[in-house]
Amino acid sequence: MMITDELYIKWDRGSMTIFMDKFFPCPKADFKKLLKIIDLDWGNNLELREKLKVYFQNKIPECQSGFEHSGKEYLKYKQLEADTRLMVANKKRPNGLPLSEDEVKAERMRAGQYATCVASYLRMAKGYERNKKKFQELLNLL
């Protein structure tokens, strides 16, 4: 069975193509409407539902791996940010050598960049977690 990211639905009064990567995850109400439209294609409705089921089953592990990767990167940059902020506060390197004023400015900027990365990876991890939950809910509705 070939899996594509398109869902082609045809009924007696029209047709519709759903690009699954763009449409999902969607709200439950939209998904229920889509299921009603799929039921109009009475010749292929079981095949279309199976295609959706396989798509959701493939997306859940993708979201989980994305969540894990984002979490690891979040922790890495969180530690780098903390270490850099400590260097700026003490105006010393970890080995005890003092930092010049230019080096303190550079480290302060680097700490800001790390903080931006921390926020970005946290946002990505939460998004993956949210999407995984949505895909599981949609899979249960099938």
C-alpha atoms as a PDB file:
ATOM      1  CA  MET A   1       0.000   0.000   0.000  1.00  0.00           C
ATOM      2  CA  MET A   2       1.566   3.266  -1.096  1.00  0.00           C
ATOM      3  CA  ILE A   3       1.289   6.144   1.335  1.00  0.00           C
ATOM      4  CA  THR A   4       1.146   9.666  -0.023  1.00  0.00           C
ATOM      5  CA  ASP A   5       0.553  12.895   1.799  1.00  0.00           C
ATOM      6  CA  GLU A   6      -2.596  13.581  -0.226  1.00  0.00           C
ATOM      7  CA  LEU A   7      -6.085  12.392   0.495  1.00  0.00           C
ATOM      8  CA  TYR A   8      -8.318  12.457  -2.590  1.00  0.00           C
ATOM      9  CA  ILE A   9     -12.040  12.321  -1.809  1.00  0.00           C
ATOM     10  CA  LYS A  10     -14.640  12.102  -4.565  1.00  0.00           C
ATOM     11  CA  TRP A  11     -18.412  12.004  -4.239  1.00  0.00           C
ATOM     12  CA  ASP A  12     -21.346  12.465  -6.595  1.00  0.00           C
ATOM     13  CA  ARG A  13     -21.388  16.283  -6.398  1.00  0.00           C
ATOM     14  CA  GLY A  14     -17.685  17.065  -6.269  1.00  0.00           C
ATOM     15  CA  SER A  15     -14.224  16.153  -5.111  1.00  0.00           C
ATOM     16  CA  MET A  16     -11.615  17.330  -2.655  1.00  0.00           C
ATOM     17  CA  THR A  17      -7.881  16.881  -2.182  1.00  0.00           C
ATOM     18  CA  ILE A  18      -6.516  17.169   1.338  1.00  0.00           C
ATOM     19  CA  PHE A  19      -2.793  17.787   1.756  1.00  0.00           C
ATOM     20  CA  MET A  20      -2.339  15.993   5.053  1.00  0.00           C
ATOM     21  CA  ASP A  21       0.866  17.755   6.131  1.00  0.00           C
ATOM     22  CA  LYS A  22      -0.902  21.113   5.804  1.00  0.00           C
ATOM     23  CA  PHE A  23      -4.279  20.080   7.227  1.00  0.00           C
ATOM     24  CA  PHE A  24      -3.184  18.065  10.276  1.00  0.00           C
ATOM     25  CA  PRO A  25      -3.139  18.424  13.201  1.00  0.00           C
ATOM     26  CA  CYS A  26      -6.517  20.092  13.112  1.00  0.00           C
ATOM     27  CA  PRO A  27      -9.266  20.767  15.669  1.00  0.00           C
ATOM     28  CA  LYS A  28     -11.621  17.890  16.470  1.00  0.00           C
ATOM     29  CA  ALA A  29     -14.575  19.713  14.924  1.00  0.00           C
ATOM     30  CA  ASP A  30     -12.759  20.045  11.584  1.00  0.00           C
ATOM     31  CA  PHE A  31     -11.756  16.386  11.722  1.00  0.00           C
ATOM     32  CA  LYS A  32     -15.331  15.299  12.355  1.00  0.00           C
ATOM     33  CA  LYS A  33     -16.444  17.349   9.338  1.00  0.00           C
ATOM     34  CA  LEU A  34     -13.719  15.683   7.270  1.00  0.00           C
ATOM     35  CA  LEU A  35     -14.936  12.243   8.379  1.00  0.00           C
ATOM     36  CA  LYS A  36     -18.448  13.160   7.216  1.00  0.00           C
ATOM     37  CA  ILE A  37     -17.046  14.165   3.834  1.00  0.00           C
ATOM     38  CA  ILE A  38     -15.035  10.931   3.658  1.00  0.00           C
ATOM     39  CA  ASP A  39     -18.246   8.987   4.297  1.00  0.00           C
ATOM     40  CA  LEU A  40     -19.720  10.622   1.154  1.00  0.00           C
ATOM     41  CA  ASP A  41     -17.088   8.722  -0.877  1.00  0.00           C
ATOM     42  CA  TRP A  42     -18.831   5.451  -0.050  1.00  0.00           C
ATOM     43  CA  GLY A  43     -16.690   3.408  -2.454  1.00  0.00           C
ATOM     44  CA  ASN A  44     -13.379   4.369  -0.876  1.00  0.00           C
ATOM     45  CA  ASN A  45     -14.262   5.534   2.618  1.00  0.00           C
ATOM     46  CA  LEU A  46     -12.671   2.552   4.375  1.00  0.00           C
ATOM     47  CA  GLU A  47      -9.475   2.936   2.371  1.00  0.00           C
ATOM     48  CA  LEU A  48      -9.351   6.670   3.126  1.00  0.00           C
ATOM     49  CA  ARG A  49      -9.864   6.042   6.846  1.00  0.00           C
ATOM     50  CA  GLU A  50      -7.093   3.442   6.786  1.00  0.00           C
ATOM     51  CA  LYS A  51      -4.823   5.925   5.030  1.00  0.00           C
ATOM     52  CA  LEU A  52      -5.522   8.473   7.779  1.00  0.00           C
ATOM     53  CA  LYS A  53      -4.871   5.862  10.453  1.00  0.00           C
ATOM     54  CA  VAL A  54      -1.478   4.956   8.976  1.00  0.00           C
ATOM     55  CA  TYR A  55      -0.594   8.631   8.578  1.00  0.00           C
ATOM     56  CA  PHE A  56      -1.376   9.353  12.241  1.00  0.00           C
ATOM     57  CA  GLN A  57       0.515   6.251  13.373  1.00  0.00           C
ATOM     58  CA  ASN A  58       3.574   7.477  11.462  1.00  0.00           C
ATOM     59  CA  LYS A  59       3.328  11.048  12.767  1.00  0.00           C
ATOM     60  CA  ILE A  60       3.220  10.085  16.462  1.00  0.00           C
ATOM     61  CA  PRO A  61       6.785   8.643  16.530  1.00  0.00           C
ATOM     62  CA  GLU A  62       8.021  11.618  14.465  1.00  0.00           C
ATOM     63  CA  CYS A  63       6.630  13.985  17.087  1.00  0.00           C
ATOM     64  CA  GLN A  64       8.163  11.910  19.880  1.00  0.00           C
ATOM     65  CA  SER A  65      11.636  11.967  18.306  1.00  0.00           C
ATOM     66  CA  GLY A  66      11.334  15.702  17.625  1.00  0.00           C
ATOM     67  CA  PHE A  67      10.348  16.248  21.255  1.00  0.00           C
ATOM     68  CA  GLU A  68      13.337  14.253  22.499  1.00  0.00           C
ATOM     69  CA  HIS A  69      15.775  16.069  20.212  1.00  0.00           C
ATOM     70  CA  SER A  70      14.414  19.483  21.197  1.00  0.00           C
ATOM     71  CA  GLY A  71      14.601  18.525  24.863  1.00  0.00           C
ATOM     72  CA  LYS A  72      18.258  17.538  24.579  1.00  0.00           C
ATOM     73  CA  GLU A  73      19.138  20.748  22.775  1.00  0.00           C
ATOM     74  CA  TYR A  74      17.151  22.758  25.343  1.00  0.00           C
ATOM     75  CA  LEU A  75      19.156  21.252  28.204  1.00  0.00           C
ATOM     76  CA  LYS A  76      22.450  21.788  26.372  1.00  0.00           C
ATOM     77  CA  TYR A  77      21.798  25.476  25.734  1.00  0.00           C
ATOM     78  CA  LYS A  78      20.314  25.985  29.209  1.00  0.00           C
ATOM     79  CA  GLN A  79      23.593  24.735  30.709  1.00  0.00           C
ATOM     80  CA  LEU A  80      25.677  26.891  28.346  1.00  0.00           C
ATOM     81  CA  GLU A  81      23.589  29.918  29.278  1.00  0.00           C
ATOM     82  CA  ALA A  82      24.003  29.266  33.007  1.00  0.00           C
ATOM     83  CA  ASP A  83      27.762  28.775  32.686  1.00  0.00           C
ATOM     84  CA  THR A  84      28.150  31.931  30.607  1.00  0.00           C
ATOM     85  CA  ARG A  85      26.017  34.022  32.972  1.00  0.00           C
ATOM     86  CA  LEU A  86      28.176  32.810  35.869  1.00  0.00           C
ATOM     87  CA  MET A  87      31.315  33.880  34.002  1.00  0.00           C
ATOM     88  CA  VAL A  88      29.798  37.327  33.372  1.00  0.00           C
ATOM     89  CA  ALA A  89      28.698  37.713  36.990  1.00  0.00           C
ATOM     90  CA  ASN A  90      32.125  36.721  38.377  1.00  0.00           C
ATOM     91  CA  LYS A  91      34.074  38.323  35.512  1.00  0.00           C
ATOM     92  CA  LYS A  92      36.262  35.235  35.579  1.00  0.00           C
ATOM     93  CA  ARG A  93      36.773  32.210  33.383  1.00  0.00           C
ATOM     94  CA  PRO A  94      36.016  28.777  34.846  1.00  0.00           C
ATOM     95  CA  ASN A  95      39.756  28.260  35.439  1.00  0.00           C
ATOM     96  CA  GLY A  96      39.914  31.493  37.510  1.00  0.00           C
ATOM     97  CA  LEU A  97      41.553  33.861  35.013  1.00  0.00           C
ATOM     98  CA  PRO A  98      39.913  37.301  34.874  1.00  0.00           C
ATOM     99  CA  LEU A  99      37.948  38.500  31.837  1.00  0.00           C
ATOM    100  CA  SER A 100      38.620  41.867  30.205  1.00  0.00           C
ATOM    101  CA  GLU A 101      35.700  44.280  29.710  1.00  0.00           C
ATOM    102  CA  ASP A 102      35.511  43.398  25.995  1.00  0.00           C
ATOM    103  CA  GLU A 103      35.389  39.703  26.857  1.00  0.00           C
ATOM    104  CA  VAL A 104      32.646  40.338  29.426  1.00  0.00           C
ATOM    105  CA  LYS A 105      30.581  42.140  26.751  1.00  0.00           C
ATOM    106  CA  ALA A 106      31.158  39.290  24.297  1.00  0.00           C
ATOM    107  CA  GLU A 107      30.164  36.687  26.900  1.00  0.00           C
ATOM    108  CA  ARG A 108      27.062  38.703  27.833  1.00  0.00           C
ATOM    109  CA  MET A 109      26.011  38.724  24.165  1.00  0.00           C
ATOM    110  CA  ARG A 110      26.715  35.000  23.907  1.00  0.00           C
ATOM    111  CA  ALA A 111      24.562  34.387  27.004  1.00  0.00           C
ATOM    112  CA  GLY A 112      21.737  36.291  25.293  1.00  0.00           C
ATOM    113  CA  GLN A 113      22.109  34.123  22.198  1.00  0.00           C
ATOM    114  CA  TYR A 114      21.996  31.005  24.368  1.00  0.00           C
ATOM    115  CA  ALA A 115      18.843  32.316  26.071  1.00  0.00           C
ATOM    116  CA  THR A 116      17.228  32.768  22.654  1.00  0.00           C
ATOM    117  CA  CYS A 117      18.133  29.180  21.750  1.00  0.00           C
ATOM    118  CA  VAL A 118      16.745  27.943  25.076  1.00  0.00           C
ATOM    119  CA  ALA A 119      13.402  29.663  24.427  1.00  0.00           C
ATOM    120  CA  SER A 120      13.292  28.395  20.849  1.00  0.00           C
ATOM    121  CA  TYR A 121      13.970  24.756  21.743  1.00  0.00           C
ATOM    122  CA  LEU A 122      11.490  24.883  24.613  1.00  0.00           C
ATOM    123  CA  ARG A 123       8.822  26.223  22.237  1.00  0.00           C
ATOM    124  CA  MET A 124       9.636  23.499  19.702  1.00  0.00           C
ATOM    125  CA  ALA A 125       9.500  20.748  22.348  1.00  0.00           C
ATOM    126  CA  LYS A 126       6.105  21.961  23.570  1.00  0.00           C
ATOM    127  CA  GLY A 127       4.844  22.082  19.977  1.00  0.00           C
ATOM    128  CA  TYR A 128       5.945  18.503  19.314  1.00  0.00           C
ATOM    129  CA  GLU A 129       4.308  17.369  22.536  1.00  0.00           C
ATOM    130  CA  ARG A 130       1.066  19.176  21.638  1.00  0.00           C
ATOM    131  CA  ASN A 131       1.044  17.721  18.122  1.00  0.00           C
ATOM    132  CA  LYS A 132       1.693  14.195  19.411  1.00  0.00           C
ATOM    133  CA  LYS A 133      -1.280  14.516  21.756  1.00  0.00           C
ATOM    134  CA  LYS A 134      -3.479  15.848  18.926  1.00  0.00           C
ATOM    135  CA  PHE A 135      -2.484  13.011  16.583  1.00  0.00           C
ATOM    136  CA  GLN A 136      -3.300  10.465  19.297  1.00  0.00           C
ATOM    137  CA  GLU A 137      -6.706  12.068  19.849  1.00  0.00           C
ATOM    138  CA  LEU A 138      -7.461  12.064  16.106  1.00  0.00           C
ATOM    139  CA  LEU A 139      -6.352   8.443  15.850  1.00  0.00           C
ATOM    140  CA  ASN A 140      -8.769   7.544  18.655  1.00  0.00           C
ATOM    141  CA  LEU A 141     -11.616   9.277  16.784  1.00  0.00           C
ATOM    142  CA  LEU A 142     -11.128   6.951  13.835  1.00  0.00           C
END
